Structure formats: structure tokens, C-alpha cells
PDB file of N, CA and C in Angstrom:
ATOM      1  N   UNK A   1       9.897 -42.244  24.263  1.00  0.00           N
ATOM      2  CA  UNK A   1       8.572 -41.761  24.567  1.00  0.00           C
ATOM      3  C   UNK A   1       8.419 -40.352  24.005  1.00  0.00           C
ATOM      4  N   UNK A   2       7.470 -40.154  23.163  1.00  0.00           N
ATOM      5  CA  UNK A   2       7.208 -38.850  22.573  1.00  0.00           C
ATOM      6  C   UNK A   2       6.327 -38.042  23.512  1.00  0.00           C
ATOM      7  N   UNK A   3       6.732 -36.790  23.750  1.00  0.00           N
ATOM      8  CA  UNK A   3       5.949 -35.928  24.618  1.00  0.00           C
ATOM      9  C   UNK A   3       5.174 -34.931  23.782  1.00  0.00           C
ATOM     10  N   UNK A   4       3.984 -34.570  24.240  1.00  0.00           N
ATOM     11  CA  UNK A   4       3.159 -33.571  23.567  1.00  0.00           C
ATOM     12  C   UNK A   4       3.038 -32.369  24.494  1.00  0.00           C
ATOM     13  N   UNK A   5       3.116 -31.193  23.925  1.00  0.00           N
ATOM     14  CA  UNK A   5       3.041 -29.959  24.686  1.00  0.00           C
ATOM     15  C   UNK A   5       1.998 -29.042  24.073  1.00  0.00           C
ATOM     16  N   UNK A   6       1.394 -28.227  24.899  1.00  0.00           N
ATOM     17  CA  UNK A   6       0.450 -27.225  24.423  1.00  0.00           C
ATOM     18  C   UNK A   6       1.195 -25.919  24.204  1.00  0.00           C
ATOM     19  N   UNK A   7       0.935 -25.280  23.103  1.00  0.00           N
ATOM     20  CA  UNK A   7       1.574 -24.010  22.788  1.00  0.00           C
ATOM     21  C   UNK A   7       0.958 -22.913  23.645  1.00  0.00           C
ATOM     22  N   UNK A   8       1.808 -22.151  24.366  1.00  0.00           N
ATOM     23  CA  UNK A   8       1.322 -21.069  25.211  1.00  0.00           C
ATOM     24  C   UNK A   8       1.582 -19.709  24.588  1.00  0.00           C
ATOM     25  N   UNK A   9       2.644 -19.585  23.813  1.00  0.00           N
ATOM     26  CA  UNK A   9       2.991 -18.328  23.160  1.00  0.00           C
ATOM     27  C   UNK A   9       3.091 -18.545  21.665  1.00  0.00           C
ATOM     28  N   UNK A  10       2.617 -17.597  20.921  1.00  0.00           N
ATOM     29  CA  UNK A  10       2.791 -17.627  19.475  1.00  0.00           C
ATOM     30  C   UNK A  10       3.639 -16.411  19.132  1.00  0.00           C
ATOM     31  N   UNK A  11       4.909 -16.667  18.807  1.00  0.00           N
ATOM     32  CA  UNK A  11       5.858 -15.598  18.517  1.00  0.00           C
ATOM     33  C   UNK A  11       6.518 -15.853  17.177  1.00  0.00           C
ATOM     34  N   UNK A  12       7.049 -14.799  16.570  1.00  0.00           N
ATOM     35  CA  UNK A  12       7.833 -15.012  15.357  1.00  0.00           C
ATOM     36  C   UNK A  12       9.255 -15.379  15.772  1.00  0.00           C
ATOM     37  N   UNK A  13      10.062 -15.924  14.846  1.00  0.00           N
ATOM     38  CA  UNK A  13      11.407 -16.400  15.201  1.00  0.00           C
ATOM     39  C   UNK A  13      12.284 -15.348  15.883  1.00  0.00           C
ATOM     40  N   UNK A  14      12.166 -14.087  15.489  1.00  0.00           N
ATOM     41  CA  UNK A  14      12.974 -13.046  16.129  1.00  0.00           C
ATOM     42  C   UNK A  14      12.598 -12.866  17.595  1.00  0.00           C
ATOM     43  N   UNK A  15      11.337 -13.020  17.907  1.00  0.00           N
ATOM     44  CA  UNK A  15      10.902 -12.904  19.294  1.00  0.00           C
ATOM     45  C   UNK A  15      11.338 -14.115  20.116  1.00  0.00           C
ATOM     46  N   UNK A  16      11.348 -15.303  19.511  1.00  0.00           N
ATOM     47  CA  UNK A  16      11.821 -16.498  20.218  1.00  0.00           C
ATOM     48  C   UNK A  16      13.290 -16.352  20.599  1.00  0.00           C
ATOM     49  N   UNK A  17      14.066 -15.697  19.746  1.00  0.00           N
ATOM     50  CA  UNK A  17      15.504 -15.524  19.967  1.00  0.00           C
ATOM     51  C   UNK A  17      15.785 -14.948  21.355  1.00  0.00           C
ATOM     52  N   UNK A  18      14.969 -14.013  21.787  1.00  0.00           N
ATOM     53  CA  UNK A  18      15.169 -13.354  23.083  1.00  0.00           C
ATOM     54  C   UNK A  18      15.011 -14.311  24.263  1.00  0.00           C
ATOM     55  N   UNK A  19      14.374 -15.440  24.056  1.00  0.00           N
ATOM     56  CA  UNK A  19      14.127 -16.402  25.131  1.00  0.00           C
ATOM     57  C   UNK A  19      15.194 -17.496  25.208  1.00  0.00           C
ATOM     58  N   UNK A  20      16.173 -17.487  24.306  1.00  0.00           N
ATOM     59  CA  UNK A  20      17.234 -18.498  24.319  1.00  0.00           C
ATOM     60  C   UNK A  20      18.294 -18.175  25.358  1.00  0.00           C
ATOM     61  N   UNK A  21      18.942 -19.213  25.888  1.00  0.00           N
ATOM     62  CA  UNK A  21      20.115 -19.013  26.741  1.00  0.00           C
ATOM     63  C   UNK A  21      21.280 -18.585  25.853  1.00  0.00           C
ATOM     64  N   UNK A  22      22.326 -18.068  26.457  1.00  0.00           N
ATOM     65  CA  UNK A  22      23.490 -17.646  25.678  1.00  0.00           C
ATOM     66  C   UNK A  22      24.094 -18.832  24.922  1.00  0.00           C
ATOM     67  N   UNK A  23      24.158 -20.006  25.564  1.00  0.00           N
ATOM     68  CA  UNK A  23      24.707 -21.200  24.906  1.00  0.00           C
ATOM     69  C   UNK A  23      23.850 -21.606  23.708  1.00  0.00           C
ATOM     70  N   UNK A  24      22.531 -21.503  23.845  1.00  0.00           N
ATOM     71  CA  UNK A  24      21.642 -21.827  22.728  1.00  0.00           C
ATOM     72  C   UNK A  24      21.828 -20.835  21.587  1.00  0.00           C
ATOM     73  N   UNK A  25      22.037 -19.568  21.910  1.00  0.00           N
ATOM     74  CA  UNK A  25      22.249 -18.553  20.870  1.00  0.00           C
ATOM     75  C   UNK A  25      23.507 -18.853  20.063  1.00  0.00           C
ATOM     76  N   UNK A  26      24.592 -19.235  20.740  1.00  0.00           N
ATOM     77  CA  UNK A  26      25.829 -19.566  20.028  1.00  0.00           C
ATOM     78  C   UNK A  26      25.629 -20.782  19.123  1.00  0.00           C
ATOM     79  N   UNK A  27      24.985 -21.830  19.657  1.00  0.00           N
ATOM     80  CA  UNK A  27      24.762 -23.046  18.867  1.00  0.00           C
ATOM     81  C   UNK A  27      23.832 -22.762  17.689  1.00  0.00           C
ATOM     82  N   UNK A  28      22.764 -22.014  17.933  1.00  0.00           N
ATOM     83  CA  UNK A  28      21.811 -21.694  16.864  1.00  0.00           C
ATOM     84  C   UNK A  28      22.478 -20.867  15.779  1.00  0.00           C
ATOM     85  N   UNK A  29      23.313 -19.930  16.180  1.00  0.00           N
ATOM     86  CA  UNK A  29      24.010 -19.078  15.214  1.00  0.00           C
ATOM     87  C   UNK A  29      24.826 -19.915  14.238  1.00  0.00           C
ATOM     88  N   UNK A  30      25.480 -20.961  14.723  1.00  0.00           N
ATOM     89  CA  UNK A  30      26.279 -21.805  13.831  1.00  0.00           C
ATOM     90  C   UNK A  30      25.386 -22.632  12.903  1.00  0.00           C
ATOM     91  N   UNK A  31      24.172 -22.958  13.336  1.00  0.00           N
ATOM     92  CA  UNK A  31      23.250 -23.738  12.500  1.00  0.00           C
ATOM     93  C   UNK A  31      22.562 -22.881  11.445  1.00  0.00           C
ATOM     94  N   UNK A  32      22.451 -21.582  11.700  1.00  0.00           N
ATOM     95  CA  UNK A  32      21.807 -20.689  10.734  1.00  0.00           C
ATOM     96  C   UNK A  32      22.529 -20.710   9.389  1.00  0.00           C
ATOM     97  N   UNK A  33      23.855 -20.882   9.408  1.00  0.00           N
ATOM     98  CA  UNK A  33      24.607 -20.885   8.148  1.00  0.00           C
ATOM     99  C   UNK A  33      24.284 -22.102   7.281  1.00  0.00           C
ATOM    100  N   UNK A  34      23.657 -23.125   7.876  1.00  0.00           N
ATOM    101  CA  UNK A  34      23.246 -24.310   7.118  1.00  0.00           C
ATOM    102  C   UNK A  34      21.773 -24.251   6.729  1.00  0.00           C
ATOM    103  N   UNK A  35      21.134 -23.128   6.998  1.00  0.00           N
ATOM    104  CA  UNK A  35      19.746 -22.945   6.602  1.00  0.00           C
ATOM    105  C   UNK A  35      18.712 -23.227   7.678  1.00  0.00           C
ATOM    106  N   UNK A  36      19.148 -23.588   8.878  1.00  0.00           N
ATOM    107  CA  UNK A  36      18.194 -23.842   9.959  1.00  0.00           C
ATOM    108  C   UNK A  36      17.597 -22.538  10.455  1.00  0.00           C
ATOM    109  N   UNK A  37      16.336 -22.600  10.865  1.00  0.00           N
ATOM    110  CA  UNK A  37      15.638 -21.443  11.412  1.00  0.00           C
ATOM    111  C   UNK A  37      14.985 -21.838  12.728  1.00  0.00           C
ATOM    112  N   UNK A  38      15.036 -20.929  13.672  1.00  0.00           N
ATOM    113  CA  UNK A  38      14.407 -21.153  14.968  1.00  0.00           C
ATOM    114  C   UNK A  38      12.893 -21.121  14.804  1.00  0.00           C
ATOM    115  N   UNK A  39      12.230 -22.191  15.226  1.00  0.00           N
ATOM    116  CA  UNK A  39      10.779 -22.288  15.085  1.00  0.00           C
ATOM    117  C   UNK A  39      10.042 -21.923  16.372  1.00  0.00           C
ATOM    118  N   UNK A  40      10.507 -22.493  17.490  1.00  0.00           N
ATOM    119  CA  UNK A  40       9.864 -22.227  18.777  1.00  0.00           C
ATOM    120  C   UNK A  40      10.729 -22.808  19.887  1.00  0.00           C
ATOM    121  N   UNK A  41      10.320 -22.538  21.124  1.00  0.00           N
ATOM    122  CA  UNK A  41      11.001 -23.062  22.309  1.00  0.00           C
ATOM    123  C   UNK A  41       9.960 -23.781  23.152  1.00  0.00           C
ATOM    124  N   UNK A  42      10.329 -24.949  23.640  1.00  0.00           N
ATOM    125  CA  UNK A  42       9.459 -25.693  24.554  1.00  0.00           C
ATOM    126  C   UNK A  42      10.089 -25.682  25.939  1.00  0.00           C
ATOM    127  N   UNK A  43       9.267 -25.490  26.940  1.00  0.00           N
ATOM    128  CA  UNK A  43       9.728 -25.616  28.320  1.00  0.00           C
ATOM    129  C   UNK A  43       9.520 -27.066  28.722  1.00  0.00           C
ATOM    130  N   UNK A  44      10.599 -27.757  29.063  1.00  0.00           N
ATOM    131  CA  UNK A  44      10.518 -29.160  29.465  1.00  0.00           C
ATOM    132  C   UNK A  44      10.949 -29.285  30.918  1.00  0.00           C
ATOM    133  N   UNK A  45      10.867 -30.473  31.453  1.00  0.00           N
ATOM    134  CA  UNK A  45      11.319 -30.705  32.829  1.00  0.00           C
ATOM    135  C   UNK A  45      12.828 -30.520  32.956  1.00  0.00           C
ATOM    136  N   UNK A  46      13.548 -30.511  31.829  1.00  0.00           N
ATOM    137  CA  UNK A  46      15.000 -30.325  31.835  1.00  0.00           C
ATOM    138  C   UNK A  46      15.402 -28.920  31.419  1.00  0.00           C
ATOM    139  N   UNK A  47      14.447 -28.025  31.247  1.00  0.00           N
ATOM    140  CA  UNK A  47      14.740 -26.649  30.853  1.00  0.00           C
ATOM    141  C   UNK A  47      14.194 -26.332  29.474  1.00  0.00           C
ATOM    142  N   UNK A  48      14.644 -25.210  28.938  1.00  0.00           N
ATOM    143  CA  UNK A  48      14.164 -24.760  27.628  1.00  0.00           C
ATOM    144  C   UNK A  48      14.795 -25.579  26.512  1.00  0.00           C
ATOM    145  N   UNK A  49      13.971 -25.985  25.556  1.00  0.00           N
ATOM    146  CA  UNK A  49      14.415 -26.759  24.407  1.00  0.00           C
ATOM    147  C   UNK A  49      14.077 -25.969  23.149  1.00  0.00           C
ATOM    148  N   UNK A  50      15.104 -25.509  22.440  1.00  0.00           N
ATOM    149  CA  UNK A  50      14.902 -24.754  21.203  1.00  0.00           C
ATOM    150  C   UNK A  50      14.753 -25.733  20.049  1.00  0.00           C
ATOM    151  N   UNK A  51      13.769 -25.482  19.191  1.00  0.00           N
ATOM    152  CA  UNK A  51      13.507 -26.344  18.039  1.00  0.00           C
ATOM    153  C   UNK A  51      13.805 -25.557  16.771  1.00  0.00           C
ATOM    154  N   UNK A  52      14.742 -26.073  15.964  1.00  0.00           N
ATOM    155  CA  UNK A  52      15.125 -25.447  14.703  1.00  0.00           C
ATOM    156  C   UNK A  52      14.808 -26.398  13.565  1.00  0.00           C
ATOM    157  N   UNK A  53      14.464 -25.831  12.410  1.00  0.00           N
ATOM    158  CA  UNK A  53      14.152 -26.655  11.243  1.00  0.00           C
ATOM    159  C   UNK A  53      14.829 -26.113   9.996  1.00  0.00           C
ATOM    160  N   UNK A  54      15.177 -27.052   9.118  1.00  0.00           N
ATOM    161  CA  UNK A  54      15.663 -26.753   7.776  1.00  0.00           C
ATOM    162  C   UNK A  54      14.986 -27.774   6.871  1.00  0.00           C
ATOM    163  N   UNK A  55      14.091 -27.307   6.014  1.00  0.00           N
ATOM    164  CA  UNK A  55      13.250 -28.203   5.216  1.00  0.00           C
ATOM    165  C   UNK A  55      12.484 -29.115   6.177  1.00  0.00           C
ATOM    166  N   UNK A  56      12.657 -30.425   6.067  1.00  0.00           N
ATOM    167  CA  UNK A  56      11.972 -31.350   6.975  1.00  0.00           C
ATOM    168  C   UNK A  56      12.877 -31.851   8.097  1.00  0.00           C
ATOM    169  N   UNK A  57      14.080 -31.313   8.201  1.00  0.00           N
ATOM    170  CA  UNK A  57      15.029 -31.730   9.232  1.00  0.00           C
ATOM    171  C   UNK A  57      14.814 -30.917  10.501  1.00  0.00           C
ATOM    172  N   UNK A  58      14.789 -31.613  11.632  1.00  0.00           N
ATOM    173  CA  UNK A  58      14.577 -30.974  12.927  1.00  0.00           C
ATOM    174  C   UNK A  58      15.818 -31.173  13.782  1.00  0.00           C
ATOM    175  N   UNK A  59      16.224 -30.110  14.453  1.00  0.00           N
ATOM    176  CA  UNK A  59      17.317 -30.159  15.418  1.00  0.00           C
ATOM    177  C   UNK A  59      16.827 -29.469  16.677  1.00  0.00           C
ATOM    178  N   UNK A  60      17.200 -30.007  17.837  1.00  0.00           N
ATOM    179  CA  UNK A  60      16.878 -29.326  19.086  1.00  0.00           C
ATOM    180  C   UNK A  60      18.166 -28.938  19.801  1.00  0.00           C
ATOM    181  N   UNK A  61      18.063 -27.884  20.600  1.00  0.00           N
ATOM    182  CA  UNK A  61      19.175 -27.401  21.411  1.00  0.00           C
ATOM    183  C   UNK A  61      18.704 -27.311  22.857  1.00  0.00           C
ATOM    184  N   UNK A  62      19.422 -27.985  23.765  1.00  0.00           N
ATOM    185  CA  UNK A  62      19.053 -27.840  25.168  1.00  0.00           C
ATOM    186  C   UNK A  62      19.659 -26.541  25.712  1.00  0.00           C
ATOM    187  N   UNK A  63      19.415 -26.230  26.977  1.00  0.00           N
ATOM    188  CA  UNK A  63      19.872 -24.950  27.534  1.00  0.00           C
ATOM    189  C   UNK A  63      21.386 -24.815  27.546  1.00  0.00           C
ATOM    190  N   UNK A  64      22.108 -25.933  27.538  1.00  0.00           N
ATOM    191  CA  UNK A  64      23.567 -25.884  27.502  1.00  0.00           C
ATOM    192  C   UNK A  64      24.097 -25.718  26.081  1.00  0.00           C
ATOM    193  N   UNK A  65      23.199 -25.718  25.093  1.00  0.00           N
ATOM    194  CA  UNK A  65      23.603 -25.561  23.703  1.00  0.00           C
ATOM    195  C   UNK A  65      23.941 -26.869  23.019  1.00  0.00           C
ATOM    196  N   UNK A  66      23.687 -27.999  23.688  1.00  0.00           N
ATOM    197  CA  UNK A  66      23.952 -29.305  23.081  1.00  0.00           C
ATOM    198  C   UNK A  66      22.950 -29.566  21.962  1.00  0.00           C
ATOM    199  N   UNK A  67      23.463 -30.057  20.832  1.00  0.00           N
ATOM    200  CA  UNK A  67      22.653 -30.292  19.637  1.00  0.00           C
ATOM    201  C   UNK A  67      22.175 -31.738  19.602  1.00  0.00           C
ATOM    202  N   UNK A  68      20.894 -31.924  19.326  1.00  0.00           N
ATOM    203  CA  UNK A  68      20.332 -33.258  19.081  1.00  0.00           C
ATOM    204  C   UNK A  68      19.770 -33.231  17.665  1.00  0.00           C
ATOM    205  N   UNK A  69      20.457 -33.927  16.751  1.00  0.00           N
ATOM    206  CA  UNK A  69      20.015 -33.912  15.353  1.00  0.00           C
ATOM    207  C   UNK A  69      19.053 -35.052  15.023  1.00  0.00           C
ATOM    208  N   UNK A  70      18.650 -35.818  16.032  1.00  0.00           N
ATOM    209  CA  UNK A  70      17.638 -36.863  15.842  1.00  0.00           C
ATOM    210  C   UNK A  70      16.697 -36.861  17.051  1.00  0.00           C
ATOM    211  N   UNK A  71      16.037 -35.734  17.304  1.00  0.00           N
ATOM    212  CA  UNK A  71      15.189 -35.658  18.501  1.00  0.00           C
ATOM    213  C   UNK A  71      13.915 -36.483  18.352  1.00  0.00           C
ATOM    214  N   UNK A  72      13.436 -36.969  19.470  1.00  0.00           N
ATOM    215  CA  UNK A  72      12.173 -37.710  19.507  1.00  0.00           C
ATOM    216  C   UNK A  72      11.070 -36.690  19.783  1.00  0.00           C
ATOM    217  N   UNK A  73      10.648 -36.003  18.740  1.00  0.00           N
ATOM    218  CA  UNK A  73       9.699 -34.906  18.884  1.00  0.00           C
ATOM    219  C   UNK A  73       8.641 -35.012  17.791  1.00  0.00           C
ATOM    220  N   UNK A  74       7.407 -34.724  18.162  1.00  0.00           N
ATOM    221  CA  UNK A  74       6.304 -34.747  17.209  1.00  0.00           C
ATOM    222  C   UNK A  74       5.789 -33.330  17.031  1.00  0.00           C
ATOM    223  N   UNK A  75       5.711 -32.879  15.792  1.00  0.00           N
ATOM    224  CA  UNK A  75       5.203 -31.543  15.501  1.00  0.00           C
ATOM    225  C   UNK A  75       3.757 -31.620  15.059  1.00  0.00           C
ATOM    226  N   UNK A  76       3.001 -30.613  15.425  1.00  0.00           N
ATOM    227  CA  UNK A  76       1.620 -30.530  14.944  1.00  0.00           C
ATOM    228  C   UNK A  76       1.624 -30.102  13.494  1.00  0.00           C
ATOM    229  N   UNK A  77       0.645 -30.567  12.744  1.00  0.00           N
ATOM    230  CA  UNK A  77       0.549 -30.171  11.337  1.00  0.00           C
ATOM    231  C   UNK A  77      -0.512 -29.128  11.130  1.00  0.00           C
TER     232      UNK A  77
END
């Protein structure tokens, strides 16, 4: 089931960084070396979900820093 969320904050990637958990920061840091960039964070019923992109590839990180390289997420165009 794909969920849709309304954007509440419009921040640049450096500002989003401050909202990550420590585990998400460690996981994101390792993905940066592969070209991924932090796009935004969604607040879900399970906590904060960080969304990173590299070209058309999307990866999400939950608050524990677990990586999902095939998330069921729809982005607005």
C-alpha cells in the first residue's frame, strides 16, 4: 500500500540532516560515498523515515538506520 504525505517543511539537505537520528546519520554517511543525497524526511506512524536518492534510485532509512533499497514510496513530480 503506497502512502501519500503532505509536505510540511521545505528545507535544503543540510537542514534535513539535523532532523536525523544518530543511527540514520551513520547509515546515510555510508550511502553518501555512493552518490546518494538526503532529499527529505517523512514522519510516519513508525517514526522518521529519511529518503535518499541517487539518480532515479530511492533508498529509505528508518529511525534505527535500517536501509530499504526497494521502498514502496511515491514521489511527487
